[in-house]
Amino acid sequence: MPESTVRIGLVLPDVMGTYGDGGNALVLRQRLRMRGYDAEIVPIGLEDPVPDSMDLYTLGGAEDSAQRLATRHLLRYPGLQRAAERGAPVLAICAAIQVLGHWYETSAGERVDGVGLLDVTTSPQRTRAIGEIVISPAVAGLTQPLTGFENHRGGTTLGSSARGLGRVTRGVGNGVGDGLEGAVQGSVFGTYLHGPVLARNPELADLLLARALGVDALAPLDLPEIDRLRRERLKAN
């Protein structure tokens, strides 16, 4: 059994946890423990500086006012940026994509400068994207369709340094007509998929874990209940 503890930074769950995306950290911890690793979740709240020492990080969704609070905090305490620069995996869900981009516009039309970890910008769209979504992944190491539940009005445009997590086969995705969903740049993985996304997509969870552990890949876990969940969600679409 490995001696060191894998630390999962749950970033700003007090303001970026509206849609239950904190469950992604629970999935990561459990999948590590099932493989014999010691693992712990480290909540990083608004009262805490963001450390750059975590092995991987997760951020969840939020509304406009919470996004602004999160953005200011991450700019004031740039530990997440330093960690991403050294290659620590970062999973950013929904509003977190927007916060980590260059800028985003609120529903009131206010433009807010983002953290700049992702080469993306986001503006409100006329129609809200809501419902089940399936994407065909476009990232090495992912071979299975990704499923989730999208609920956003942001339209996210990718710059030249970012690429989509995948191509939409059902649903809306980034909402700007390019057929893409999510954004990947360096060690940062952004997606609009709720669910939590890692509970519904174990292959993505293990890709993040492999990167955090510095290994090429992890042997899959035999969890028939997850296979049933995936079949159910894919059928629902």
Protein backbone atom coordinates (compact mmCIF):
# COMPACT_ATOMS: atom_id res chain seq x y z
CA MET A 1 0.00 0.00 0.00
CA PRO A 2 1.38 3.47 -0.84
CA GLU A 3 2.65 5.37 2.19
CA SER A 4 1.57 8.91 1.29
CA THR A 5 -1.98 10.22 1.41
CA VAL A 6 -3.52 11.52 -1.80
CA ARG A 7 -5.11 14.89 -1.06
CA ILE A 8 -8.15 16.02 -3.01
CA GLY A 9 -8.77 19.75 -2.80
CA LEU A 10 -12.50 20.53 -2.77
CA VAL A 11 -12.37 24.17 -3.77
CA LEU A 12 -14.94 26.62 -2.36
CA PRO A 13 -17.75 24.17 -1.61
CA ASP A 14 -19.41 26.94 0.43
CA VAL A 15 -20.06 29.00 -2.74
CA MET A 16 -19.39 26.62 -5.65
CA GLY A 17 -21.46 23.66 -4.53
CA THR A 18 -24.97 24.48 -5.69
CA TYR A 19 -25.59 21.35 -7.76
CA GLY A 20 -24.03 18.60 -5.64
CA ASP A 21 -20.79 18.55 -7.60
CA GLY A 22 -18.89 18.02 -4.37
CA GLY A 23 -19.80 14.39 -4.96
CA ASN A 24 -16.97 14.25 -7.50
CA ALA A 25 -14.45 14.50 -4.66
CA LEU A 26 -16.21 11.63 -2.86
CA VAL A 27 -15.97 9.48 -5.99
CA LEU A 28 -12.27 10.20 -6.35
CA ARG A 29 -11.58 9.37 -2.71
CA GLN A 30 -13.55 6.13 -2.82
CA ARG A 31 -11.92 4.91 -6.04
CA LEU A 32 -8.50 5.56 -4.51
CA ARG A 33 -9.38 3.74 -1.29
CA MET A 34 -10.73 0.76 -3.21
CA ARG A 35 -7.29 0.45 -4.78
CA GLY A 36 -5.47 0.58 -1.46
CA TYR A 37 -4.47 4.24 -1.42
CA ASP A 38 -4.93 6.50 1.56
CA ALA A 39 -6.95 9.49 0.41
CA GLU A 40 -8.56 12.51 2.02
CA ILE A 41 -10.75 15.38 0.91
CA VAL A 42 -9.51 18.81 1.97
CA PRO A 43 -12.31 21.43 1.87
CA ILE A 44 -10.99 24.87 0.90
CA GLY A 45 -13.51 27.54 1.86
CA LEU A 46 -13.77 31.29 1.47
CA GLU A 47 -11.93 31.71 4.77
CA ASP A 48 -8.96 29.70 3.49
CA PRO A 49 -6.06 30.60 1.19
CA VAL A 50 -5.98 28.14 -1.71
CA PRO A 51 -2.97 25.83 -1.22
CA ASP A 52 -0.87 24.74 -4.18
CA SER A 53 0.03 21.43 -2.51
CA MET A 54 -3.02 19.28 -3.27
CA ASP A 55 -2.66 16.28 -5.58
CA LEU A 56 -5.80 17.19 -7.52
CA TYR A 57 -8.64 19.68 -7.28
CA THR A 58 -12.38 19.82 -7.95
CA LEU A 59 -14.68 22.82 -8.32
CA GLY A 60 -18.46 22.83 -8.76
CA GLY A 61 -21.29 24.95 -10.11
CA ALA A 62 -22.81 28.14 -8.74
CA GLU A 63 -25.00 31.15 -9.49
CA ASP A 64 -23.79 34.61 -10.58
CA SER A 65 -23.14 36.12 -7.15
CA ALA A 66 -21.28 33.03 -5.95
CA GLN A 67 -19.20 33.01 -9.14
CA ARG A 68 -18.00 36.53 -8.43
CA LEU A 69 -17.03 35.59 -4.87
CA ALA A 70 -15.15 32.54 -6.12
CA THR A 71 -13.36 34.50 -8.83
CA ARG A 72 -12.15 37.15 -6.40
CA HIS A 73 -10.94 34.50 -3.97
CA LEU A 74 -9.03 32.51 -6.57
CA LEU A 75 -7.36 35.65 -7.90
CA ARG A 76 -6.40 36.74 -4.39
CA TYR A 77 -5.04 33.30 -3.48
CA PRO A 78 -3.57 31.82 -6.69
CA GLY A 79 -2.62 28.42 -5.28
CA LEU A 80 -4.86 26.66 -7.80
CA GLN A 81 -3.09 28.40 -10.66
CA ARG A 82 0.32 27.37 -9.34
CA ALA A 83 -0.83 23.78 -8.87
CA ALA A 84 -2.19 23.60 -12.42
CA GLU A 85 1.08 24.98 -13.75
CA ARG A 86 2.97 22.06 -12.18
CA GLY A 87 0.44 19.62 -13.68
CA ALA A 88 -1.96 18.86 -10.84
CA PRO A 89 -5.31 17.77 -12.37
CA VAL A 90 -8.19 20.22 -11.95
CA LEU A 91 -11.84 19.28 -12.57
CA ALA A 92 -14.03 22.35 -13.17
CA ILE A 93 -17.79 21.89 -13.43
CA CYS A 94 -20.27 24.28 -15.09
CA ALA A 95 -19.79 27.77 -13.60
CA ALA A 96 -16.24 26.81 -12.67
CA ILE A 97 -15.37 26.66 -16.39
CA GLN A 98 -16.45 30.27 -16.64
CA VAL A 99 -14.55 31.33 -13.51
CA LEU A 100 -11.36 29.71 -14.81
CA GLY A 101 -11.68 31.38 -18.22
CA HIS A 102 -10.52 34.82 -19.37
CA TRP A 103 -13.88 36.45 -18.65
CA TYR A 104 -17.58 35.71 -18.32
CA GLU A 105 -20.71 37.81 -18.50
CA THR A 106 -23.38 37.57 -15.83
CA SER A 107 -27.09 37.39 -16.63
CA ALA A 108 -27.22 41.14 -15.92
CA GLY A 109 -24.60 41.83 -18.59
CA GLU A 110 -21.69 42.51 -16.25
CA ARG A 111 -18.34 41.29 -17.60
CA VAL A 112 -16.13 39.72 -14.93
CA ASP A 113 -12.43 38.97 -15.45
CA GLY A 114 -11.69 35.33 -14.75
CA VAL A 115 -8.70 33.40 -13.49
CA GLY A 116 -7.24 32.67 -16.93
CA LEU A 117 -6.47 28.96 -16.58
CA LEU A 118 -8.68 28.18 -19.57
CA ASP A 119 -8.59 29.94 -22.94
CA VAL A 120 -12.37 30.44 -22.98
CA THR A 121 -14.92 33.22 -22.67
CA THR A 122 -18.58 32.89 -21.73
CA SER A 123 -21.67 34.97 -22.47
CA PRO A 124 -25.34 34.34 -21.61
CA GLN A 125 -27.45 32.69 -24.33
CA ARG A 126 -31.12 33.27 -25.07
CA THR A 127 -32.11 29.68 -24.34
CA ARG A 128 -31.16 27.69 -21.28
CA ALA A 129 -29.57 24.29 -21.89
CA ILE A 130 -31.18 21.79 -19.55
CA GLY A 131 -31.48 18.02 -19.72
CA GLU A 132 -29.53 14.82 -20.24
CA ILE A 133 -26.47 15.06 -22.48
CA VAL A 134 -24.10 12.56 -24.10
CA ILE A 135 -20.73 13.41 -25.62
CA SER A 136 -18.16 11.46 -27.57
CA PRO A 137 -14.84 12.16 -25.82
CA ALA A 138 -11.93 13.73 -27.67
CA VAL A 139 -9.24 13.21 -25.04
CA ALA A 140 -6.63 10.45 -25.08
CA GLY A 141 -7.44 7.80 -22.50
CA LEU A 142 -11.21 8.20 -22.78
CA THR A 143 -12.94 5.63 -24.96
CA GLN A 144 -16.52 5.54 -23.65
CA PRO A 145 -19.34 8.07 -24.12
CA LEU A 146 -19.62 10.62 -21.32
CA THR A 147 -23.06 11.24 -19.83
CA GLY A 148 -24.37 13.93 -17.56
CA PHE A 149 -27.07 16.48 -16.86
CA GLU A 150 -26.57 20.02 -18.16
CA ASN A 151 -28.27 23.06 -16.67
CA HIS A 152 -26.76 26.36 -17.82
CA ARG A 153 -27.39 29.44 -19.92
CA GLY A 154 -23.77 30.24 -20.61
CA GLY A 155 -22.33 29.97 -24.10
CA THR A 156 -18.63 29.15 -23.87
CA THR A 157 -16.30 29.91 -26.77
CA LEU A 158 -12.96 28.13 -26.90
CA GLY A 159 -9.77 29.93 -27.86
CA SER A 160 -6.90 28.34 -29.74
CA SER A 161 -5.19 27.01 -26.59
CA ALA A 162 -8.18 25.02 -25.36
CA ARG A 163 -9.90 22.03 -26.92
CA GLY A 164 -13.25 20.45 -26.24
CA LEU A 165 -13.62 17.56 -23.84
CA GLY A 166 -15.76 15.94 -26.51
CA ARG A 167 -18.34 16.34 -29.25
CA VAL A 168 -22.02 16.42 -28.40
CA THR A 169 -24.13 13.54 -29.69
CA ARG A 170 -27.23 14.47 -27.66
CA GLY A 171 -27.84 17.73 -25.82
CA VAL A 172 -26.43 21.24 -26.17
CA GLY A 173 -22.91 21.38 -24.73
CA ASN A 174 -21.03 24.67 -24.82
CA GLY A 175 -23.95 26.34 -26.51
CA VAL A 176 -22.20 28.33 -29.24
CA GLY A 177 -22.96 26.10 -32.21
CA ASP A 178 -19.58 24.38 -32.57
CA GLY A 179 -20.87 21.00 -31.39
CA LEU A 180 -18.34 20.83 -28.56
CA GLU A 181 -18.73 20.27 -24.84
CA GLY A 182 -16.34 21.33 -22.15
CA ALA A 183 -12.80 22.62 -22.33
CA VAL A 184 -9.45 20.94 -21.72
CA GLN A 185 -6.16 22.79 -21.41
CA GLY A 186 -3.05 21.36 -19.79
CA SER A 187 -4.13 19.64 -16.60
CA VAL A 188 -7.48 21.45 -16.40
CA PHE A 189 -10.63 19.58 -17.41
CA GLY A 190 -13.83 21.62 -17.64
CA THR A 191 -17.31 20.32 -18.37
CA TYR A 192 -20.95 21.34 -17.98
CA LEU A 193 -21.88 17.79 -17.00
CA HIS A 194 -23.48 17.36 -13.58
CA GLY A 195 -24.45 14.02 -12.15
CA PRO A 196 -21.96 14.13 -10.42
CA VAL A 197 -20.02 13.59 -13.61
CA LEU A 198 -17.44 11.24 -12.08
CA ALA A 199 -20.10 8.97 -10.58
CA ARG A 200 -21.53 8.52 -14.07
CA ASN A 201 -18.19 8.34 -15.88
CA PRO A 202 -15.62 6.23 -14.00
CA GLU A 203 -13.22 6.31 -16.93
CA LEU A 204 -12.88 10.08 -16.55
CA ALA A 205 -12.40 9.71 -12.79
CA ASP A 206 -9.59 7.21 -13.31
CA LEU A 207 -7.93 9.40 -15.94
CA LEU A 208 -7.73 12.24 -13.40
CA LEU A 209 -6.48 9.87 -10.72
CA ALA A 210 -3.81 8.38 -12.97
CA ARG A 211 -2.51 11.87 -13.71
CA ALA A 212 -2.49 12.76 -10.03
CA LEU A 213 -0.59 9.56 -9.20
CA GLY A 214 1.85 9.98 -12.07
CA VAL A 215 1.00 6.64 -13.71
CA ASP A 216 -0.04 5.87 -17.27
CA ALA A 217 -3.33 4.20 -16.33
CA LEU A 218 -5.20 2.44 -13.55
CA ALA A 219 -6.76 -1.00 -13.82
CA PRO A 220 -10.55 -0.63 -13.93
CA LEU A 221 -12.62 -1.49 -10.86
CA ASP A 222 -15.30 -4.16 -11.12
CA LEU A 223 -18.42 -2.24 -10.08
CA PRO A 224 -21.53 -3.69 -11.78
CA GLU A 225 -23.77 -1.06 -10.19
CA ILE A 226 -21.89 1.68 -12.05
CA ASP A 227 -22.26 -0.23 -15.30
CA ARG A 228 -26.02 -0.43 -14.66
CA LEU A 229 -26.16 3.29 -13.96
CA ARG A 230 -24.38 4.05 -17.21
CA ARG A 231 -26.70 1.83 -19.23
CA GLU A 232 -29.70 3.46 -17.59
CA ARG A 233 -28.49 6.99 -18.29
CA LEU A 234 -27.51 6.24 -21.87
CA LYS A 235 -30.92 4.65 -22.45
CA ALA A 236 -32.61 7.71 -20.94
CA ASN A 237 -31.16 9.77 -23.71
